Amino acid sequence: MTKREYTNYQKKVISSYYHHLDTIALGRLQELVSELYLADTDKKRDKLWERVGQAIDKLAIPASLKEHILARRDVKVLAANLEQWLKK
């Protein structure tokens, strides 16, 4: 398998993405909070909580806090923590 060559522009885009990954993940969590408030079925909520776990994995959040948030499955708890994370 040969190594893929990227143009300088592509390298900058890739670097920028990984540099701002925490900001992207926080923005995604904000969207998920809104979607959770609006979710009307348990199946939708289950899928959204899975995506919340994936987004939290991309942040430097302690595993115990992640487990607490996902175990409670309370949007208010997630929103309160998200507000604190956004202030940092």
PDB file of N, CA and C in Angstrom:
ATOM      1  N   MET A   1       0.834  -1.166   0.000  1.00  0.00           N
ATOM      2  CA  MET A   1       0.000   0.000   0.000  1.00  0.00           C
ATOM      3  C   MET A   1       0.890   1.244   0.000  1.00  0.00           C
ATOM      4  N   THR A   2       0.593   2.186  -0.843  1.00  0.00           N
ATOM      5  CA  THR A   2       1.393   3.393  -0.905  1.00  0.00           C
ATOM      6  C   THR A   2       0.815   4.463   0.001  1.00  0.00           C
ATOM      7  N   LYS A   3       1.687   5.313   0.469  1.00  0.00           N
ATOM      8  CA  LYS A   3       1.265   6.400   1.340  1.00  0.00           C
ATOM      9  C   LYS A   3       0.653   7.510   0.485  1.00  0.00           C
ATOM     10  N   ARG A   4      -0.474   8.028   0.917  1.00  0.00           N
ATOM     11  CA  ARG A   4      -1.162   9.070   0.161  1.00  0.00           C
ATOM     12  C   ARG A   4      -0.444  10.400   0.342  1.00  0.00           C
ATOM     13  N   GLU A   5      -0.267  11.121  -0.744  1.00  0.00           N
ATOM     14  CA  GLU A   5       0.339  12.438  -0.729  1.00  0.00           C
ATOM     15  C   GLU A   5      -0.768  13.494  -0.689  1.00  0.00           C
ATOM     16  N   TYR A   6      -0.683  14.421   0.231  1.00  0.00           N
ATOM     17  CA  TYR A   6      -1.651  15.501   0.345  1.00  0.00           C
ATOM     18  C   TYR A   6      -1.026  16.803  -0.148  1.00  0.00           C
ATOM     19  N   THR A   7      -1.860  17.641  -0.733  1.00  0.00           N
ATOM     20  CA  THR A   7      -1.382  18.964  -1.127  1.00  0.00           C
ATOM     21  C   THR A   7      -1.205  19.801   0.132  1.00  0.00           C
ATOM     22  N   ASN A   8      -0.497  20.915   0.001  1.00  0.00           N
ATOM     23  CA  ASN A   8      -0.300  21.789   1.165  1.00  0.00           C
ATOM     24  C   ASN A   8      -1.632  22.287   1.702  1.00  0.00           C
ATOM     25  N   TYR A   9      -2.561  22.603   0.815  1.00  0.00           N
ATOM     26  CA  TYR A   9      -3.893  23.052   1.242  1.00  0.00           C
ATOM     27  C   TYR A   9      -4.598  21.963   2.043  1.00  0.00           C
ATOM     28  N   GLN A  10      -4.549  20.718   1.558  1.00  0.00           N
ATOM     29  CA  GLN A  10      -5.201  19.617   2.265  1.00  0.00           C
ATOM     30  C   GLN A  10      -4.563  19.397   3.627  1.00  0.00           C
ATOM     31  N   LYS A  11      -3.253  19.540   3.698  1.00  0.00           N
ATOM     32  CA  LYS A  11      -2.557  19.388   4.976  1.00  0.00           C
ATOM     33  C   LYS A  11      -3.008  20.456   5.971  1.00  0.00           C
ATOM     34  N   LYS A  12      -3.207  21.688   5.500  1.00  0.00           N
ATOM     35  CA  LYS A  12      -3.673  22.761   6.379  1.00  0.00           C
ATOM     36  C   LYS A  12      -5.085  22.503   6.869  1.00  0.00           C
ATOM     37  N   VAL A  13      -5.953  22.014   5.979  1.00  0.00           N
ATOM     38  CA  VAL A  13      -7.331  21.714   6.359  1.00  0.00           C
ATOM     39  C   VAL A  13      -7.361  20.606   7.405  1.00  0.00           C
ATOM     40  N   ILE A  14      -6.600  19.560   7.192  1.00  0.00           N
ATOM     41  CA  ILE A  14      -6.540  18.436   8.136  1.00  0.00           C
ATOM     42  C   ILE A  14      -5.987  18.900   9.481  1.00  0.00           C
ATOM     43  N   SER A  15      -4.923  19.684   9.441  1.00  0.00           N
ATOM     44  CA  SER A  15      -4.322  20.197  10.667  1.00  0.00           C
ATOM     45  C   SER A  15      -5.298  21.088  11.421  1.00  0.00           C
ATOM     46  N   SER A  16      -6.003  21.941  10.701  1.00  0.00           N
ATOM     47  CA  SER A  16      -6.975  22.830  11.324  1.00  0.00           C
ATOM     48  C   SER A  16      -8.104  22.042  11.977  1.00  0.00           C
ATOM     49  N   TYR A  17      -8.560  20.987  11.320  1.00  0.00           N
ATOM     50  CA  TYR A  17      -9.627  20.155  11.875  1.00  0.00           C
ATOM     51  C   TYR A  17      -9.198  19.569  13.218  1.00  0.00           C
ATOM     52  N   TYR A  18      -8.020  18.975  13.265  1.00  0.00           N
ATOM     53  CA  TYR A  18      -7.575  18.341  14.505  1.00  0.00           C
ATOM     54  C   TYR A  18      -7.218  19.379  15.566  1.00  0.00           C
ATOM     55  N   HIS A  19      -6.793  20.553  15.147  1.00  0.00           N
ATOM     56  CA  HIS A  19      -6.484  21.620  16.098  1.00  0.00           C
ATOM     57  C   HIS A  19      -7.755  22.119  16.784  1.00  0.00           C
ATOM     58  N   HIS A  20      -8.859  22.131  16.059  1.00  0.00           N
ATOM     59  CA  HIS A  20     -10.127  22.642  16.577  1.00  0.00           C
ATOM     60  C   HIS A  20     -11.125  21.531  16.920  1.00  0.00           C
ATOM     61  N   LEU A  21     -10.662  20.323  17.094  1.00  0.00           N
ATOM     62  CA  LEU A  21     -11.542  19.196  17.356  1.00  0.00           C
ATOM     63  C   LEU A  21     -12.356  19.377  18.627  1.00  0.00           C
ATOM     64  N   ASP A  22     -11.759  19.953  19.661  1.00  0.00           N
ATOM     65  CA  ASP A  22     -12.507  20.164  20.903  1.00  0.00           C
ATOM     66  C   ASP A  22     -13.644  21.166  20.702  1.00  0.00           C
ATOM     67  N   THR A  23     -13.400  22.220  19.944  1.00  0.00           N
ATOM     68  CA  THR A  23     -14.443  23.201  19.657  1.00  0.00           C
ATOM     69  C   THR A  23     -15.554  22.582  18.828  1.00  0.00           C
ATOM     70  N   ILE A  24     -15.173  21.757  17.873  1.00  0.00           N
ATOM     71  CA  ILE A  24     -16.158  21.070  17.033  1.00  0.00           C
ATOM     72  C   ILE A  24     -17.012  20.137  17.886  1.00  0.00           C
ATOM     73  N   ALA A  25     -16.374  19.391  18.790  1.00  0.00           N
ATOM     74  CA  ALA A  25     -17.103  18.453  19.647  1.00  0.00           C
ATOM     75  C   ALA A  25     -18.052  19.195  20.597  1.00  0.00           C
ATOM     76  N   LEU A  26     -17.620  20.329  21.126  1.00  0.00           N
ATOM     77  CA  LEU A  26     -18.493  21.112  22.009  1.00  0.00           C
ATOM     78  C   LEU A  26     -19.699  21.643  21.245  1.00  0.00           C
ATOM     79  N   GLY A  27     -19.475  22.102  20.030  1.00  0.00           N
ATOM     80  CA  GLY A  27     -20.583  22.560  19.199  1.00  0.00           C
ATOM     81  C   GLY A  27     -21.557  21.439  18.900  1.00  0.00           C
ATOM     82  N   ARG A  28     -21.008  20.266  18.628  1.00  0.00           N
ATOM     83  CA  ARG A  28     -21.861  19.103  18.363  1.00  0.00           C
ATOM     84  C   ARG A  28     -22.675  18.740  19.604  1.00  0.00           C
ATOM     85  N   LEU A  29     -22.059  18.826  20.778  1.00  0.00           N
ATOM     86  CA  LEU A  29     -22.789  18.545  22.019  1.00  0.00           C
ATOM     87  C   LEU A  29     -23.918  19.548  22.231  1.00  0.00           C
ATOM     88  N   GLN A  30     -23.695  20.807  21.874  1.00  0.00           N
ATOM     89  CA  GLN A  30     -24.763  21.804  21.984  1.00  0.00           C
ATOM     90  C   GLN A  30     -25.944  21.418  21.096  1.00  0.00           C
ATOM     91  N   GLU A  31     -25.649  20.966  19.889  1.00  0.00           N
ATOM     92  CA  GLU A  31     -26.709  20.530  18.977  1.00  0.00           C
ATOM     93  C   GLU A  31     -27.448  19.316  19.539  1.00  0.00           C
ATOM     94  N   LEU A  32     -26.694  18.399  20.137  1.00  0.00           N
ATOM     95  CA  LEU A  32     -27.306  17.185  20.683  1.00  0.00           C
ATOM     96  C   LEU A  32     -28.217  17.505  21.871  1.00  0.00           C
ATOM     97  N   VAL A  33     -27.843  18.487  22.684  1.00  0.00           N
ATOM     98  CA  VAL A  33     -28.707  18.888  23.799  1.00  0.00           C
ATOM     99  C   VAL A  33     -30.046  19.366  23.250  1.00  0.00           C
ATOM    100  N   SER A  34     -29.991  20.189  22.219  1.00  0.00           N
ATOM    101  CA  SER A  34     -31.233  20.680  21.602  1.00  0.00           C
ATOM    102  C   SER A  34     -32.058  19.530  21.044  1.00  0.00           C
ATOM    103  N   GLU A  35     -31.391  18.606  20.354  1.00  0.00           N
ATOM    104  CA  GLU A  35     -32.104  17.471  19.769  1.00  0.00           C
ATOM    105  C   GLU A  35     -32.711  16.578  20.841  1.00  0.00           C
ATOM    106  N   LEU A  36     -32.003  16.425  21.979  1.00  0.00           N
ATOM    107  CA  LEU A  36     -32.540  15.607  23.065  1.00  0.00           C
ATOM    108  C   LEU A  36     -33.795  16.233  23.663  1.00  0.00           C
ATOM    109  N   TYR A  37     -33.800  17.548  23.805  1.00  0.00           N
ATOM    110  CA  TYR A  37     -34.996  18.219  24.324  1.00  0.00           C
ATOM    111  C   TYR A  37     -36.187  18.009  23.397  1.00  0.00           C
ATOM    112  N   LEU A  38     -35.926  17.918  22.096  1.00  0.00           N
ATOM    113  CA  LEU A  38     -37.004  17.808  21.113  1.00  0.00           C
ATOM    114  C   LEU A  38     -37.363  16.368  20.747  1.00  0.00           C
ATOM    115  N   ALA A  39     -36.544  15.404  21.149  1.00  0.00           N
ATOM    116  CA  ALA A  39     -36.783  14.003  20.786  1.00  0.00           C
ATOM    117  C   ALA A  39     -38.119  13.537  21.356  1.00  0.00           C
ATOM    118  N   ASP A  40     -38.886  12.867  20.510  1.00  0.00           N
ATOM    119  CA  ASP A  40     -40.225  12.457  20.935  1.00  0.00           C
ATOM    120  C   ASP A  40     -40.381  10.955  21.154  1.00  0.00           C
ATOM    121  N   THR A  41     -39.363  10.166  20.831  1.00  0.00           N
ATOM    122  CA  THR A  41     -39.449   8.727  21.075  1.00  0.00           C
ATOM    123  C   THR A  41     -38.211   8.257  21.831  1.00  0.00           C
ATOM    124  N   ASP A  42     -38.363   7.145  22.531  1.00  0.00           N
ATOM    125  CA  ASP A  42     -37.233   6.572  23.267  1.00  0.00           C
ATOM    126  C   ASP A  42     -36.132   6.110  22.322  1.00  0.00           C
ATOM    127  N   LYS A  43     -36.517   5.613  21.161  1.00  0.00           N
ATOM    128  CA  LYS A  43     -35.525   5.146  20.190  1.00  0.00           C
ATOM    129  C   LYS A  43     -34.630   6.302  19.736  1.00  0.00           C
ATOM    130  N   LYS A  44     -35.211   7.457  19.487  1.00  0.00           N
ATOM    131  CA  LYS A  44     -34.435   8.633  19.090  1.00  0.00           C
ATOM    132  C   LYS A  44     -33.511   9.061  20.221  1.00  0.00           C
ATOM    133  N   ARG A  45     -34.050   9.059  21.432  1.00  0.00           N
ATOM    134  CA  ARG A  45     -33.236   9.453  22.586  1.00  0.00           C
ATOM    135  C   ARG A  45     -32.051   8.511  22.772  1.00  0.00           C
ATOM    136  N   ASP A  46     -32.276   7.203  22.615  1.00  0.00           N
ATOM    137  CA  ASP A  46     -31.190   6.234  22.747  1.00  0.00           C
ATOM    138  C   ASP A  46     -30.074   6.513  21.742  1.00  0.00           C
ATOM    139  N   LYS A  47     -30.432   6.771  20.494  1.00  0.00           N
ATOM    140  CA  LYS A  47     -29.437   7.078  19.456  1.00  0.00           C
ATOM    141  C   LYS A  47     -28.691   8.372  19.778  1.00  0.00           C
ATOM    142  N   LEU A  48     -29.427   9.367  20.250  1.00  0.00           N
ATOM    143  CA  LEU A  48     -28.800  10.643  20.584  1.00  0.00           C
ATOM    144  C   LEU A  48     -27.831  10.499  21.751  1.00  0.00           C
ATOM    145  N   TRP A  49     -28.201   9.701  22.754  1.00  0.00           N
ATOM    146  CA  TRP A  49     -27.294   9.503  23.884  1.00  0.00           C
ATOM    147  C   TRP A  49     -26.035   8.756  23.457  1.00  0.00           C
ATOM    148  N   GLU A  50     -26.138   7.857  22.484  1.00  0.00           N
ATOM    149  CA  GLU A  50     -24.949   7.188  21.938  1.00  0.00           C
ATOM    150  C   GLU A  50     -24.019   8.228  21.313  1.00  0.00           C
ATOM    151  N   ARG A  51     -24.610   9.165  20.565  1.00  0.00           N
ATOM    152  CA  ARG A  51     -23.818  10.204  19.911  1.00  0.00           C
ATOM    153  C   ARG A  51     -23.221  11.169  20.931  1.00  0.00           C
ATOM    154  N   VAL A  52     -23.920  11.389  22.041  1.00  0.00           N
ATOM    155  CA  VAL A  52     -23.368  12.211  23.122  1.00  0.00           C
ATOM    156  C   VAL A  52     -22.104  11.539  23.664  1.00  0.00           C
ATOM    157  N   GLY A  53     -22.162  10.234  23.886  1.00  0.00           N
ATOM    158  CA  GLY A  53     -20.992   9.506  24.372  1.00  0.00           C
ATOM    159  C   GLY A  53     -19.820   9.610  23.412  1.00  0.00           C
ATOM    160  N   GLN A  54     -20.086   9.524  22.121  1.00  0.00           N
ATOM    161  CA  GLN A  54     -19.029   9.636  21.119  1.00  0.00           C
ATOM    162  C   GLN A  54     -18.423  11.043  21.120  1.00  0.00           C
ATOM    163  N   ALA A  55     -19.264  12.056  21.267  1.00  0.00           N
ATOM    164  CA  ALA A  55     -18.765  13.434  21.287  1.00  0.00           C
ATOM    165  C   ALA A  55     -17.940  13.698  22.545  1.00  0.00           C
ATOM    166  N   ILE A  56     -18.364  13.160  23.671  1.00  0.00           N
ATOM    167  CA  ILE A  56     -17.618  13.341  24.921  1.00  0.00           C
ATOM    168  C   ILE A  56     -16.259  12.660  24.823  1.00  0.00           C
ATOM    169  N   ASP A  57     -16.192  11.535  24.113  1.00  0.00           N
ATOM    170  CA  ASP A  57     -14.918  10.831  23.941  1.00  0.00           C
ATOM    171  C   ASP A  57     -13.870  11.713  23.262  1.00  0.00           C
ATOM    172  N   LYS A  58     -14.297  12.632  22.428  1.00  0.00           N
ATOM    173  CA  LYS A  58     -13.367  13.494  21.706  1.00  0.00           C
ATOM    174  C   LYS A  58     -12.845  14.642  22.569  1.00  0.00           C
ATOM    175  N   LEU A  59     -13.402  14.792  23.758  1.00  0.00           N
ATOM    176  CA  LEU A  59     -12.973  15.833  24.690  1.00  0.00           C
ATOM    177  C   LEU A  59     -12.152  15.207  25.811  1.00  0.00           C
ATOM    178  N   ALA A  60     -11.409  16.016  26.516  1.00  0.00           N
ATOM    179  CA  ALA A  60     -10.604  15.531  27.636  1.00  0.00           C
ATOM    180  C   ALA A  60     -11.452  15.548  28.907  1.00  0.00           C
ATOM    181  N   ILE A  61     -12.510  14.753  28.894  1.00  0.00           N
ATOM    182  CA  ILE A  61     -13.438  14.674  30.024  1.00  0.00           C
ATOM    183  C   ILE A  61     -13.124  13.388  30.799  1.00  0.00           C
ATOM    184  N   PRO A  62     -13.036  13.476  32.127  1.00  0.00           N
ATOM    185  CA  PRO A  62     -12.761  12.268  32.909  1.00  0.00           C
ATOM    186  C   PRO A  62     -13.823  11.187  32.656  1.00  0.00           C
ATOM    187  N   ALA A  63     -13.374   9.951  32.627  1.00  0.00           N
ATOM    188  CA  ALA A  63     -14.269   8.827  32.347  1.00  0.00           C
ATOM    189  C   ALA A  63     -15.394   8.739  33.378  1.00  0.00           C
ATOM    190  N   SER A  64     -15.077   9.054  34.633  1.00  0.00           N
ATOM    191  CA  SER A  64     -16.113   8.965  35.681  1.00  0.00           C
ATOM    192  C   SER A  64     -17.236   9.971  35.423  1.00  0.00           C
ATOM    193  N   LEU A  65     -16.898  11.160  34.948  1.00  0.00           N
ATOM    194  CA  LEU A  65     -17.916  12.162  34.649  1.00  0.00           C
ATOM    195  C   LEU A  65     -18.742  11.742  33.442  1.00  0.00           C
ATOM    196  N   LYS A  66     -18.075  11.199  32.434  1.00  0.00           N
ATOM    197  CA  LYS A  66     -18.789  10.701  31.255  1.00  0.00           C
ATOM    198  C   LYS A  66     -19.777   9.610  31.657  1.00  0.00           C
ATOM    199  N   GLU A  67     -19.320   8.672  32.460  1.00  0.00           N
ATOM    200  CA  GLU A  67     -20.188   7.580  32.911  1.00  0.00           C
ATOM    201  C   GLU A  67     -21.368   8.113  33.715  1.00  0.00           C
ATOM    202  N   HIS A  68     -21.106   9.111  34.554  1.00  0.00           N
ATOM    203  CA  HIS A  68     -22.178   9.706  35.361  1.00  0.00           C
ATOM    204  C   HIS A  68     -23.244  10.335  34.462  1.00  0.00           C
ATOM    205  N   ILE A  69     -22.795  11.109  33.475  1.00  0.00           N
ATOM    206  CA  ILE A  69     -23.731  11.784  32.567  1.00  0.00           C
ATOM    207  C   ILE A  69     -24.541  10.761  31.782  1.00  0.00           C
ATOM    208  N   LEU A  70     -23.861   9.737  31.255  1.00  0.00           N
ATOM    209  CA  LEU A  70     -24.564   8.743  30.444  1.00  0.00           C
ATOM    210  C   LEU A  70     -25.454   7.831  31.288  1.00  0.00           C
ATOM    211  N   ALA A  71     -25.093   7.613  32.540  1.00  0.00           N
ATOM    212  CA  ALA A  71     -25.928   6.776  33.411  1.00  0.00           C
ATOM    213  C   ALA A  71     -27.204   7.520  33.806  1.00  0.00           C
ATOM    214  N   ARG A  72     -27.085   8.807  34.077  1.00  0.00           N
ATOM    215  CA  ARG A  72     -28.254   9.605  34.466  1.00  0.00           C
ATOM    216  C   ARG A  72     -29.195   9.854  33.289  1.00  0.00           C
ATOM    217  N   ARG A  73     -28.611  10.041  32.111  1.00  0.00           N
ATOM    218  CA  ARG A  73     -29.396  10.335  30.894  1.00  0.00           C
ATOM    219  C   ARG A  73     -30.371  11.474  31.131  1.00  0.00           C
ATOM    220  N   ASP A  74     -29.858  12.493  31.808  1.00  0.00           N
ATOM    221  CA  ASP A  74     -30.647  13.689  32.109  1.00  0.00           C
ATOM    222  C   ASP A  74     -30.074  14.843  31.286  1.00  0.00           C
ATOM    223  N   VAL A  75     -30.898  15.407  30.439  1.00  0.00           N
ATOM    224  CA  VAL A  75     -30.441  16.481  29.557  1.00  0.00           C
ATOM    225  C   VAL A  75     -29.984  17.688  30.367  1.00  0.00           C
ATOM    226  N   LYS A  76     -30.616  17.934  31.490  1.00  0.00           N
ATOM    227  CA  LYS A  76     -30.242  19.080  32.320  1.00  0.00           C
ATOM    228  C   LYS A  76     -28.828  18.908  32.886  1.00  0.00           C
ATOM    229  N   VAL A  77     -28.474  17.689  33.261  1.00  0.00           N
ATOM    230  CA  VAL A  77     -27.121  17.415  33.762  1.00  0.00           C
ATOM    231  C   VAL A  77     -26.104  17.632  32.644  1.00  0.00           C
ATOM    232  N   LEU A  78     -26.413  17.123  31.462  1.00  0.00           N
ATOM    233  CA  LEU A  78     -25.528  17.306  30.311  1.00  0.00           C
ATOM    234  C   LEU A  78     -25.379  18.790  29.988  1.00  0.00           C
ATOM    235  N   ALA A  79     -26.479  19.518  29.968  1.00  0.00           N
ATOM    236  CA  ALA A  79     -26.443  20.944  29.635  1.00  0.00           C
ATOM    237  C   ALA A  79     -25.635  21.734  30.667  1.00  0.00           C
ATOM    238  N   ALA A  80     -25.780  21.402  31.940  1.00  0.00           N
ATOM    239  CA  ALA A  80     -25.037  22.100  32.985  1.00  0.00           C
ATOM    240  C   ALA A  80     -23.530  21.861  32.837  1.00  0.00           C
ATOM    241  N   ASN A  81     -23.161  20.626  32.579  1.00  0.00           N
ATOM    242  CA  ASN A  81     -21.742  20.320  32.378  1.00  0.00           C
ATOM    243  C   ASN A  81     -21.218  20.977  31.107  1.00  0.00           C
ATOM    244  N   LEU A  82     -21.998  20.960  30.068  1.00  0.00           N
ATOM    245  CA  LEU A  82     -21.599  21.575  28.808  1.00  0.00           C
ATOM    246  C   LEU A  82     -21.357  23.065  28.995  1.00  0.00           C
ATOM    247  N   GLU A  83     -22.198  23.700  29.775  1.00  0.00           N
ATOM    248  CA  GLU A  83     -22.020  25.136  30.054  1.00  0.00           C
ATOM    249  C   GLU A  83     -20.685  25.389  30.737  1.00  0.00           C
ATOM    250  N   GLN A  84     -20.304  24.528  31.680  1.00  0.00           N
ATOM    251  CA  GLN A  84     -19.019  24.662  32.362  1.00  0.00           C
ATOM    252  C   GLN A  84     -17.866  24.435  31.384  1.00  0.00           C
ATOM    253  N   TRP A  85     -17.995  23.445  30.513  1.00  0.00           N
ATOM    254  CA  TRP A  85     -16.937  23.138  29.546  1.00  0.00           C
ATOM    255  C   TRP A  85     -16.745  24.292  28.560  1.00  0.00           C
ATOM    256  N   LEU A  86     -17.830  24.949  28.208  1.00  0.00           N
ATOM    257  CA  LEU A  86     -17.743  26.067  27.260  1.00  0.00           C
ATOM    258  C   LEU A  86     -17.045  27.277  27.883  1.00  0.00           C
ATOM    259  N   LYS A  87     -17.132  27.414  29.195  1.00  0.00           N
ATOM    260  CA  LYS A  87     -16.486  28.526  29.878  1.00  0.00           C
ATOM    261  C   LYS A  87     -14.985  28.367  29.943  1.00  0.00           C
ATOM    262  N   LYS A  88     -14.489  27.148  29.833  1.00  0.00           N
ATOM    263  CA  LYS A  88     -13.038  26.895  29.942  1.00  0.00           C
ATOM    264  C   LYS A  88     -12.308  27.341  28.723  1.00  0.00           C
TER     265      LYS A  88
END
